[in-house]
Amino acid sequence: MTLQLVLIAAAALFCIGLYGALSQQVVVMVMMGLELMLNGVILAVTAFWWFLTPIPDGQVLLLVVIAAMTVEMAMGFAVATLLHRSRRSDMTDSATDLTG
């Protein structure tokens, strides 16, 4: 596995996530696109980190970043669920004003 191959996979993940985030109107699908974009960035950073200094010190930081992403996406899904329950719609147009 070479650095170029990993970076191509990371770019593909980022591009698929960008397309998903920009083309969808459902809040959950936009969030899934953002999650794919973040995973592509994490994969690229991890690949650079591994190929420049192949010591496993960065694994703990990577796990902390992934845990923070998980908490962030759980909060986002909670907001999307609350939006769906209160407005009976999960489209991004109704998410512009989150009051009442």
PDB file of N, CA and C in Angstrom:
ATOM      1  N   MET A   1       0.852  -1.173   0.000  1.00  0.00           N
ATOM      2  CA  MET A   1       0.000   0.000   0.000  1.00  0.00           C
ATOM      3  C   MET A   1       0.895   1.232   0.000  1.00  0.00           C
ATOM      4  N   THR A   2       0.722   2.084  -0.988  1.00  0.00           N
ATOM      5  CA  THR A   2       1.550   3.275  -1.109  1.00  0.00           C
ATOM      6  C   THR A   2       0.787   4.504  -0.628  1.00  0.00           C
ATOM      7  N   LEU A   3       1.529   5.568  -0.438  1.00  0.00           N
ATOM      8  CA  LEU A   3       0.914   6.822   0.003  1.00  0.00           C
ATOM      9  C   LEU A   3      -0.059   7.344  -1.051  1.00  0.00           C
ATOM     10  N   GLN A   4       0.312   7.207  -2.319  1.00  0.00           N
ATOM     11  CA  GLN A   4      -0.556   7.699  -3.389  1.00  0.00           C
ATOM     12  C   GLN A   4      -1.894   6.972  -3.407  1.00  0.00           C
ATOM     13  N   LEU A   5      -1.885   5.680  -3.192  1.00  0.00           N
ATOM     14  CA  LEU A   5      -3.116   4.901  -3.191  1.00  0.00           C
ATOM     15  C   LEU A   5      -4.019   5.302  -2.021  1.00  0.00           C
ATOM     16  N   VAL A   6      -3.425   5.512  -0.862  1.00  0.00           N
ATOM     17  CA  VAL A   6      -4.215   5.922   0.300  1.00  0.00           C
ATOM     18  C   VAL A   6      -4.779   7.322   0.090  1.00  0.00           C
ATOM     19  N   LEU A   7      -3.997   8.230  -0.497  1.00  0.00           N
ATOM     20  CA  LEU A   7      -4.487   9.582  -0.744  1.00  0.00           C
ATOM     21  C   LEU A   7      -5.583   9.602  -1.800  1.00  0.00           C
ATOM     22  N   ILE A   8      -5.510   8.709  -2.777  1.00  0.00           N
ATOM     23  CA  ILE A   8      -6.586   8.601  -3.767  1.00  0.00           C
ATOM     24  C   ILE A   8      -7.869   8.116  -3.099  1.00  0.00           C
ATOM     25  N   ALA A   9      -7.745   7.141  -2.202  1.00  0.00           N
ATOM     26  CA  ALA A   9      -8.925   6.667  -1.469  1.00  0.00           C
ATOM     27  C   ALA A   9      -9.495   7.773  -0.576  1.00  0.00           C
ATOM     28  N   ALA A  10      -8.623   8.544   0.066  1.00  0.00           N
ATOM     29  CA  ALA A  10      -9.084   9.651   0.911  1.00  0.00           C
ATOM     30  C   ALA A  10      -9.772  10.722   0.071  1.00  0.00           C
ATOM     31  N   ALA A  11      -9.215  11.023  -1.096  1.00  0.00           N
ATOM     32  CA  ALA A  11      -9.841  12.013  -1.980  1.00  0.00           C
ATOM     33  C   ALA A  11     -11.183  11.515  -2.497  1.00  0.00           C
ATOM     34  N   ALA A  12     -11.282  10.219  -2.780  1.00  0.00           N
ATOM     35  CA  ALA A  12     -12.556   9.659  -3.224  1.00  0.00           C
ATOM     36  C   ALA A  12     -13.606   9.756  -2.120  1.00  0.00           C
ATOM     37  N   LEU A  13     -13.221   9.432  -0.881  1.00  0.00           N
ATOM     38  CA  LEU A  13     -14.142   9.579   0.252  1.00  0.00           C
ATOM     39  C   LEU A  13     -14.591  11.026   0.406  1.00  0.00           C
ATOM     40  N   PHE A  14     -13.644  11.952   0.303  1.00  0.00           N
ATOM     41  CA  PHE A  14     -13.984  13.361   0.456  1.00  0.00           C
ATOM     42  C   PHE A  14     -14.924  13.823  -0.652  1.00  0.00           C
ATOM     43  N   CYS A  15     -14.657  13.415  -1.881  1.00  0.00           N
ATOM     44  CA  CYS A  15     -15.501  13.834  -3.004  1.00  0.00           C
ATOM     45  C   CYS A  15     -16.912  13.240  -2.910  1.00  0.00           C
ATOM     46  N   ILE A  16     -17.018  11.996  -2.514  1.00  0.00           N
ATOM     47  CA  ILE A  16     -18.341  11.379  -2.335  1.00  0.00           C
ATOM     48  C   ILE A  16     -19.105  12.089  -1.219  1.00  0.00           C
ATOM     49  N   GLY A  17     -18.420  12.412  -0.142  1.00  0.00           N
ATOM     50  CA  GLY A  17     -19.052  13.138   0.947  1.00  0.00           C
ATOM     51  C   GLY A  17     -19.467  14.542   0.541  1.00  0.00           C
ATOM     52  N   LEU A  18     -18.635  15.221  -0.249  1.00  0.00           N
ATOM     53  CA  LEU A  18     -18.977  16.557  -0.724  1.00  0.00           C
ATOM     54  C   LEU A  18     -20.206  16.522  -1.615  1.00  0.00           C
ATOM     55  N   TYR A  19     -20.246  15.549  -2.505  1.00  0.00           N
ATOM     56  CA  TYR A  19     -21.427  15.404  -3.353  1.00  0.00           C
ATOM     57  C   TYR A  19     -22.664  15.114  -2.517  1.00  0.00           C
ATOM     58  N   GLY A  20     -22.543  14.243  -1.534  1.00  0.00           N
ATOM     59  CA  GLY A  20     -23.673  13.917  -0.679  1.00  0.00           C
ATOM     60  C   GLY A  20     -24.135  15.097   0.151  1.00  0.00           C
ATOM     61  N   ALA A  21     -23.192  15.909   0.625  1.00  0.00           N
ATOM     62  CA  ALA A  21     -23.572  17.061   1.451  1.00  0.00           C
ATOM     63  C   ALA A  21     -24.210  18.166   0.624  1.00  0.00           C
ATOM     64  N   LEU A  22     -23.777  18.334  -0.609  1.00  0.00           N
ATOM     65  CA  LEU A  22     -24.308  19.417  -1.430  1.00  0.00           C
ATOM     66  C   LEU A  22     -25.565  19.050  -2.198  1.00  0.00           C
ATOM     67  N   SER A  23     -25.779  17.779  -2.469  1.00  0.00           N
ATOM     68  CA  SER A  23     -26.896  17.398  -3.335  1.00  0.00           C
ATOM     69  C   SER A  23     -28.156  16.990  -2.575  1.00  0.00           C
ATOM     70  N   GLN A  24     -28.050  16.762  -1.288  1.00  0.00           N
ATOM     71  CA  GLN A  24     -29.197  16.270  -0.534  1.00  0.00           C
ATOM     72  C   GLN A  24     -29.901  17.401   0.199  1.00  0.00           C
ATOM     73  N   GLN A  25     -31.180  17.185   0.485  1.00  0.00           N
ATOM     74  CA  GLN A  25     -31.941  18.150   1.267  1.00  0.00           C
ATOM     75  C   GLN A  25     -32.384  17.586   2.607  1.00  0.00           C
ATOM     76  N   VAL A  26     -32.208  16.310   2.801  1.00  0.00           N
ATOM     77  CA  VAL A  26     -32.561  15.687   4.077  1.00  0.00           C
ATOM     78  C   VAL A  26     -31.384  15.891   5.033  1.00  0.00           C
ATOM     79  N   VAL A  27     -31.677  16.329   6.238  1.00  0.00           N
ATOM     80  CA  VAL A  27     -30.643  16.694   7.207  1.00  0.00           C
ATOM     81  C   VAL A  27     -29.721  15.515   7.506  1.00  0.00           C
ATOM     82  N   VAL A  28     -30.279  14.341   7.673  1.00  0.00           N
ATOM     83  CA  VAL A  28     -29.467  13.166   8.011  1.00  0.00           C
ATOM     84  C   VAL A  28     -28.511  12.821   6.862  1.00  0.00           C
ATOM     85  N   MET A  29     -28.964  12.955   5.634  1.00  0.00           N
ATOM     86  CA  MET A  29     -28.088  12.659   4.497  1.00  0.00           C
ATOM     87  C   MET A  29     -26.964  13.693   4.377  1.00  0.00           C
ATOM     88  N   VAL A  30     -27.255  14.951   4.670  1.00  0.00           N
ATOM     89  CA  VAL A  30     -26.214  15.983   4.671  1.00  0.00           C
ATOM     90  C   VAL A  30     -25.178  15.665   5.738  1.00  0.00           C
ATOM     91  N   MET A  31     -25.650  15.236   6.904  1.00  0.00           N
ATOM     92  CA  MET A  31     -24.719  14.889   7.978  1.00  0.00           C
ATOM     93  C   MET A  31     -23.876  13.673   7.616  1.00  0.00           C
ATOM     94  N   MET A  32     -24.456  12.724   6.904  1.00  0.00           N
ATOM     95  CA  MET A  32     -23.672  11.562   6.468  1.00  0.00           C
ATOM     96  C   MET A  32     -22.599  11.990   5.463  1.00  0.00           C
ATOM     97  N   GLY A  33     -22.931  12.941   4.594  1.00  0.00           N
ATOM     98  CA  GLY A  33     -21.937  13.470   3.669  1.00  0.00           C
ATOM     99  C   GLY A  33     -20.805  14.168   4.400  1.00  0.00           C
ATOM    100  N   LEU A  34     -21.138  14.945   5.411  1.00  0.00           N
ATOM    101  CA  LEU A  34     -20.109  15.606   6.210  1.00  0.00           C
ATOM    102  C   LEU A  34     -19.231  14.595   6.942  1.00  0.00           C
ATOM    103  N   GLU A  35     -19.841  13.521   7.411  1.00  0.00           N
ATOM    104  CA  GLU A  35     -19.074  12.469   8.084  1.00  0.00           C
ATOM    105  C   GLU A  35     -18.082  11.806   7.107  1.00  0.00           C
ATOM    106  N   LEU A  36     -18.515  11.565   5.884  1.00  0.00           N
ATOM    107  CA  LEU A  36     -17.601  10.996   4.891  1.00  0.00           C
ATOM    108  C   LEU A  36     -16.464  11.954   4.573  1.00  0.00           C
ATOM    109  N   MET A  37     -16.768  13.240   4.509  1.00  0.00           N
ATOM    110  CA  MET A  37     -15.715  14.222   4.260  1.00  0.00           C
ATOM    111  C   MET A  37     -14.688  14.220   5.397  1.00  0.00           C
ATOM    112  N   LEU A  38     -15.159  14.186   6.620  1.00  0.00           N
ATOM    113  CA  LEU A  38     -14.243  14.151   7.765  1.00  0.00           C
ATOM    114  C   LEU A  38     -13.420  12.868   7.782  1.00  0.00           C
ATOM    115  N   ASN A  39     -14.030  11.761   7.413  1.00  0.00           N
ATOM    116  CA  ASN A  39     -13.282  10.497   7.362  1.00  0.00           C
ATOM    117  C   ASN A  39     -12.206  10.540   6.292  1.00  0.00           C
ATOM    118  N   GLY A  40     -12.490  11.184   5.165  1.00  0.00           N
ATOM    119  CA  GLY A  40     -11.469  11.337   4.125  1.00  0.00           C
ATOM    120  C   GLY A  40     -10.292  12.169   4.604  1.00  0.00           C
ATOM    121  N   VAL A  41     -10.581  13.243   5.320  1.00  0.00           N
ATOM    122  CA  VAL A  41      -9.509  14.081   5.859  1.00  0.00           C
ATOM    123  C   VAL A  41      -8.695  13.313   6.902  1.00  0.00           C
ATOM    124  N   ILE A  42      -9.372  12.582   7.769  1.00  0.00           N
ATOM    125  CA  ILE A  42      -8.660  11.800   8.791  1.00  0.00           C
ATOM    126  C   ILE A  42      -7.790  10.728   8.142  1.00  0.00           C
ATOM    127  N   LEU A  43      -8.299  10.091   7.097  1.00  0.00           N
ATOM    128  CA  LEU A  43      -7.501   9.079   6.404  1.00  0.00           C
ATOM    129  C   LEU A  43      -6.263   9.697   5.770  1.00  0.00           C
ATOM    130  N   ALA A  44      -6.402  10.863   5.163  1.00  0.00           N
ATOM    131  CA  ALA A  44      -5.250  11.518   4.544  1.00  0.00           C
ATOM    132  C   ALA A  44      -4.216  11.931   5.585  1.00  0.00           C
ATOM    133  N   VAL A  45      -4.670  12.519   6.685  1.00  0.00           N
ATOM    134  CA  VAL A  45      -3.733  12.939   7.737  1.00  0.00           C
ATOM    135  C   VAL A  45      -3.039  11.732   8.348  1.00  0.00           C
ATOM    136  N   THR A  46      -3.788  10.665   8.577  1.00  0.00           N
ATOM    137  CA  THR A  46      -3.197   9.459   9.138  1.00  0.00           C
ATOM    138  C   THR A  46      -2.180   8.847   8.180  1.00  0.00           C
ATOM    139  N   ALA A  47      -2.484   8.871   6.895  1.00  0.00           N
ATOM    140  CA  ALA A  47      -1.538   8.323   5.914  1.00  0.00           C
ATOM    141  C   ALA A  47      -0.253   9.133   5.888  1.00  0.00           C
ATOM    142  N   PHE A  48      -0.379  10.458   5.882  1.00  0.00           N
ATOM    143  CA  PHE A  48       0.831  11.280   5.931  1.00  0.00           C
ATOM    144  C   PHE A  48       1.628  11.011   7.198  1.00  0.00           C
ATOM    145  N   TRP A  49       0.911  10.901   8.317  1.00  0.00           N
ATOM    146  CA  TRP A  49       1.567  10.661   9.588  1.00  0.00           C
ATOM    147  C   TRP A  49       2.303   9.324   9.572  1.00  0.00           C
ATOM    148  N   TRP A  50       1.678   8.298   9.039  1.00  0.00           N
ATOM    149  CA  TRP A  50       2.286   6.972   9.036  1.00  0.00           C
ATOM    150  C   TRP A  50       3.475   6.898   8.087  1.00  0.00           C
ATOM    151  N   PHE A  51       3.346   7.513   6.897  1.00  0.00           N
ATOM    152  CA  PHE A  51       4.431   7.401   5.934  1.00  0.00           C
ATOM    153  C   PHE A  51       5.601   8.327   6.253  1.00  0.00           C
ATOM    154  N   LEU A  52       5.386   9.385   7.031  1.00  0.00           N
ATOM    155  CA  LEU A  52       6.493  10.259   7.400  1.00  0.00           C
ATOM    156  C   LEU A  52       7.223   9.740   8.639  1.00  0.00           C
ATOM    157  N   THR A  53       6.484   9.343   9.659  1.00  0.00           N
ATOM    158  CA  THR A  53       7.088   8.792  10.873  1.00  0.00           C
ATOM    159  C   THR A  53       6.287   7.562  11.284  1.00  0.00           C
ATOM    160  N   PRO A  54       6.717   6.379  10.882  1.00  0.00           N
ATOM    161  CA  PRO A  54       5.914   5.166  11.142  1.00  0.00           C
ATOM    162  C   PRO A  54       6.007   4.637  12.567  1.00  0.00           C
ATOM    163  N   ILE A  55       5.793   5.501  13.530  1.00  0.00           N
ATOM    164  CA  ILE A  55       5.717   5.056  14.920  1.00  0.00           C
ATOM    165  C   ILE A  55       4.266   5.194  15.367  1.00  0.00           C
ATOM    166  N   PRO A  56       3.798   4.315  16.221  1.00  0.00           N
ATOM    167  CA  PRO A  56       2.361   4.302  16.562  1.00  0.00           C
ATOM    168  C   PRO A  56       1.946   5.297  17.641  1.00  0.00           C
ATOM    169  N   ASP A  57       2.664   6.391  17.804  1.00  0.00           N
ATOM    170  CA  ASP A  57       2.297   7.366  18.833  1.00  0.00           C
ATOM    171  C   ASP A  57       1.012   8.121  18.488  1.00  0.00           C
ATOM    172  N   GLY A  58       0.718   8.266  17.232  1.00  0.00           N
ATOM    173  CA  GLY A  58      -0.442   9.044  16.822  1.00  0.00           C
ATOM    174  C   GLY A  58      -1.762   8.305  16.920  1.00  0.00           C
ATOM    175  N   GLN A  59      -1.731   7.041  17.275  1.00  0.00           N
ATOM    176  CA  GLN A  59      -2.971   6.273  17.339  1.00  0.00           C
ATOM    177  C   GLN A  59      -3.896   6.776  18.439  1.00  0.00           C
ATOM    178  N   VAL A  60      -3.356   7.209  19.546  1.00  0.00           N
ATOM    179  CA  VAL A  60      -4.184   7.710  20.645  1.00  0.00           C
ATOM    180  C   VAL A  60      -4.873   9.004  20.224  1.00  0.00           C
ATOM    181  N   LEU A  61      -4.133   9.902  19.581  1.00  0.00           N
ATOM    182  CA  LEU A  61      -4.734  11.143  19.093  1.00  0.00           C
ATOM    183  C   LEU A  61      -5.803  10.854  18.054  1.00  0.00           C
ATOM    184  N   LEU A  62      -5.568   9.899  17.193  1.00  0.00           N
ATOM    185  CA  LEU A  62      -6.552   9.529  16.187  1.00  0.00           C
ATOM    186  C   LEU A  62      -7.819   8.983  16.839  1.00  0.00           C
ATOM    187  N   LEU A  63      -7.677   8.168  17.861  1.00  0.00           N
ATOM    188  CA  LEU A  63      -8.848   7.655  18.572  1.00  0.00           C
ATOM    189  C   LEU A  63      -9.619   8.766  19.271  1.00  0.00           C
ATOM    190  N   VAL A  64      -8.921   9.759  19.806  1.00  0.00           N
ATOM    191  CA  VAL A  64      -9.591  10.892  20.443  1.00  0.00           C
ATOM    192  C   VAL A  64     -10.371  11.699  19.405  1.00  0.00           C
ATOM    193  N   VAL A  65      -9.793  11.913  18.241  1.00  0.00           N
ATOM    194  CA  VAL A  65     -10.474  12.656  17.174  1.00  0.00           C
ATOM    195  C   VAL A  65     -11.707  11.894  16.701  1.00  0.00           C
ATOM    196  N   ILE A  66     -11.592  10.595  16.535  1.00  0.00           N
ATOM    197  CA  ILE A  66     -12.741   9.789  16.099  1.00  0.00           C
ATOM    198  C   ILE A  66     -13.828   9.793  17.173  1.00  0.00           C
ATOM    199  N   ALA A  67     -13.435   9.741  18.440  1.00  0.00           N
ATOM    200  CA  ALA A  67     -14.432   9.800  19.522  1.00  0.00           C
ATOM    201  C   ALA A  67     -15.134  11.155  19.537  1.00  0.00           C
ATOM    202  N   ALA A  68     -14.389  12.230  19.312  1.00  0.00           N
ATOM    203  CA  ALA A  68     -15.002  13.561  19.260  1.00  0.00           C
ATOM    204  C   ALA A  68     -15.960  13.669  18.078  1.00  0.00           C
ATOM    205  N   MET A  69     -15.590  13.086  16.951  1.00  0.00           N
ATOM    206  CA  MET A  69     -16.494  13.081  15.787  1.00  0.00           C
ATOM    207  C   MET A  69     -17.765  12.299  16.089  1.00  0.00           C
ATOM    208  N   THR A  70     -17.629  11.212  16.797  1.00  0.00           N
ATOM    209  CA  THR A  70     -18.797  10.401  17.139  1.00  0.00           C
ATOM    210  C   THR A  70     -19.756  11.172  18.031  1.00  0.00           C
ATOM    211  N   VAL A  71     -19.231  11.860  19.014  1.00  0.00           N
ATOM    212  CA  VAL A  71     -20.080  12.657  19.900  1.00  0.00           C
ATOM    213  C   VAL A  71     -20.733  13.794  19.120  1.00  0.00           C
ATOM    214  N   GLU A  72     -19.971  14.423  18.252  1.00  0.00           N
ATOM    215  CA  GLU A  72     -20.511  15.519  17.445  1.00  0.00           C
ATOM    216  C   GLU A  72     -21.642  15.044  16.542  1.00  0.00           C
ATOM    217  N   MET A  73     -21.467  13.907  15.906  1.00  0.00           N
ATOM    218  CA  MET A  73     -22.510  13.395  15.019  1.00  0.00           C
ATOM    219  C   MET A  73     -23.716  12.919  15.820  1.00  0.00           C
ATOM    220  N   ALA A  74     -23.516  12.389  17.014  1.00  0.00           N
ATOM    221  CA  ALA A  74     -24.652  12.001  17.859  1.00  0.00           C
ATOM    222  C   ALA A  74     -25.474  13.222  18.247  1.00  0.00           C
ATOM    223  N   MET A  75     -24.812  14.324  18.560  1.00  0.00           N
ATOM    224  CA  MET A  75     -25.539  15.558  18.870  1.00  0.00           C
ATOM    225  C   MET A  75     -26.268  16.079  17.634  1.00  0.00           C
ATOM    226  N   GLY A  76     -25.646  15.959  16.486  1.00  0.00           N
ATOM    227  CA  GLY A  76     -26.306  16.383  15.251  1.00  0.00           C
ATOM    228  C   GLY A  76     -27.539  15.548  14.952  1.00  0.00           C
ATOM    229  N   PHE A  77     -27.441  14.248  15.166  1.00  0.00           N
ATOM    230  CA  PHE A  77     -28.607  13.389  14.960  1.00  0.00           C
ATOM    231  C   PHE A  77     -29.698  13.693  15.976  1.00  0.00           C
ATOM    232  N   ALA A  78     -29.309  14.071  17.189  1.00  0.00           N
ATOM    233  CA  ALA A  78     -30.306  14.461  18.190  1.00  0.00           C
ATOM    234  C   ALA A  78     -31.044  15.724  17.749  1.00  0.00           C
ATOM    235  N   VAL A  79     -30.323  16.685  17.202  1.00  0.00           N
ATOM    236  CA  VAL A  79     -30.967  17.905  16.693  1.00  0.00           C
ATOM    237  C   VAL A  79     -31.865  17.574  15.518  1.00  0.00           C
ATOM    238  N   ALA A  80     -31.422  16.693  14.624  1.00  0.00           N
ATOM    239  CA  ALA A  80     -32.254  16.302  13.482  1.00  0.00           C
ATOM    240  C   ALA A  80     -33.505  15.568  13.940  1.00  0.00           C
ATOM    241  N   THR A  81     -33.396  14.727  14.956  1.00  0.00           N
ATOM    242  CA  THR A  81     -34.566  14.026  15.490  1.00  0.00           C
ATOM    243  C   THR A  81     -35.538  15.001  16.132  1.00  0.00           C
ATOM    244  N   LEU A  82     -35.010  15.949  16.886  1.00  0.00           N
ATOM    245  CA  LEU A  82     -35.859  16.965  17.497  1.00  0.00           C
ATOM    246  C   LEU A  82     -36.556  17.808  16.438  1.00  0.00           C
ATOM    247  N   LEU A  83     -35.841  18.150  15.379  1.00  0.00           N
ATOM    248  CA  LEU A  83     -36.418  18.910  14.276  1.00  0.00           C
ATOM    249  C   LEU A  83     -37.532  18.125  13.602  1.00  0.00           C
ATOM    250  N   HIS A  84     -37.313  16.845  13.398  1.00  0.00           N
ATOM    251  CA  HIS A  84     -38.331  16.011  12.762  1.00  0.00           C
ATOM    252  C   HIS A  84     -39.564  15.860  13.651  1.00  0.00           C
ATOM    253  N   ARG A  85     -39.347  15.704  14.944  1.00  0.00           N
ATOM    254  CA  ARG A  85     -40.485  15.542  15.853  1.00  0.00           C
ATOM    255  C   ARG A  85     -41.302  16.818  15.994  1.00  0.00           C
ATOM    256  N   SER A  86     -40.642  17.950  15.989  1.00  0.00           N
ATOM    257  CA  SER A  86     -41.381  19.196  16.204  1.00  0.00           C
ATOM    258  C   SER A  86     -42.034  19.726  14.939  1.00  0.00           C
ATOM    259  N   ARG A  87     -41.426  19.500  13.769  1.00  0.00           N
ATOM    260  CA  ARG A  87     -41.953  20.083  12.527  1.00  0.00           C
ATOM    261  C   ARG A  87     -42.480  19.063  11.538  1.00  0.00           C
ATOM    262  N   ARG A  88     -42.334  17.801  11.830  1.00  0.00           N
ATOM    263  CA  ARG A  88     -42.757  16.715  10.935  1.00  0.00           C
ATOM    264  C   ARG A  88     -42.092  16.817   9.563  1.00  0.00           C
ATOM    265  N   SER A  89     -40.892  17.338   9.556  1.00  0.00           N
ATOM    266  CA  SER A  89     -40.133  17.466   8.320  1.00  0.00           C
ATOM    267  C   SER A  89     -38.657  17.340   8.660  1.00  0.00           C
ATOM    268  N   ASP A  90     -37.924  16.712   7.783  1.00  0.00           N
ATOM    269  CA  ASP A  90     -36.492  16.590   8.012  1.00  0.00           C
ATOM    270  C   ASP A  90     -35.691  17.217   6.866  1.00  0.00           C
ATOM    271  N   MET A  91     -36.265  18.193   6.234  1.00  0.00           N
ATOM    272  CA  MET A  91     -35.585  18.882   5.129  1.00  0.00           C
ATOM    273  C   MET A  91     -34.740  20.022   5.678  1.00  0.00           C
ATOM    274  N   THR A  92     -33.692  20.375   4.955  1.00  0.00           N
ATOM    275  CA  THR A  92     -32.801  21.430   5.420  1.00  0.00           C
ATOM    276  C   THR A  92     -33.457  22.804   5.345  1.00  0.00           C
ATOM    277  N   ASP A  93     -34.480  22.969   4.530  1.00  0.00           N
ATOM    278  CA  ASP A  93     -35.161  24.261   4.459  1.00  0.00           C
ATOM    279  C   ASP A  93     -35.831  24.619   5.773  1.00  0.00           C
ATOM    280  N   SER A  94     -36.326  23.624   6.473  1.00  0.00           N
ATOM    281  CA  SER A  94     -36.990  23.887   7.748  1.00  0.00           C
ATOM    282  C   SER A  94     -35.997  23.983   8.906  1.00  0.00           C
ATOM    283  N   ALA A  95     -34.729  23.732   8.640  1.00  0.00           N
ATOM    284  CA  ALA A  95     -33.722  23.798   9.699  1.00  0.00           C
ATOM    285  C   ALA A  95     -33.038  25.158   9.757  1.00  0.00           C
ATOM    286  N   THR A  96     -33.457  26.110   8.952  1.00  0.00           N
ATOM    287  CA  THR A  96     -32.808  27.415   8.969  1.00  0.00           C
ATOM    288  C   THR A  96     -33.117  28.176  10.239  1.00  0.00           C
ATOM    289  N   ASP A  97     -34.301  27.978  10.800  1.00  0.00           N
ATOM    290  CA  ASP A  97     -34.679  28.643  12.037  1.00  0.00           C
ATOM    291  C   ASP A  97     -34.977  27.567  13.065  1.00  0.00           C
ATOM    292  N   LEU A  98     -34.093  27.383  14.022  1.00  0.00           N
ATOM    293  CA  LEU A  98     -34.243  26.299  14.986  1.00  0.00           C
ATOM    294  C   LEU A  98     -35.015  26.710  16.231  1.00  0.00           C
ATOM    295  N   THR A  99     -35.580  27.904  16.255  1.00  0.00           N
ATOM    296  CA  THR A  99     -36.370  28.311  17.418  1.00  0.00           C
ATOM    297  C   THR A  99     -37.800  27.880  17.226  1.00  0.00           C
ATOM    298  N   GLY A 100     -38.400  27.415  18.281  1.00  0.00           N
ATOM    299  CA  GLY A 100     -39.819  27.046  18.306  1.00  0.00           C
ATOM    300  C   GLY A 100     -40.176  26.115  17.265  1.00  0.00           C
TER     301      GLY A 100
END
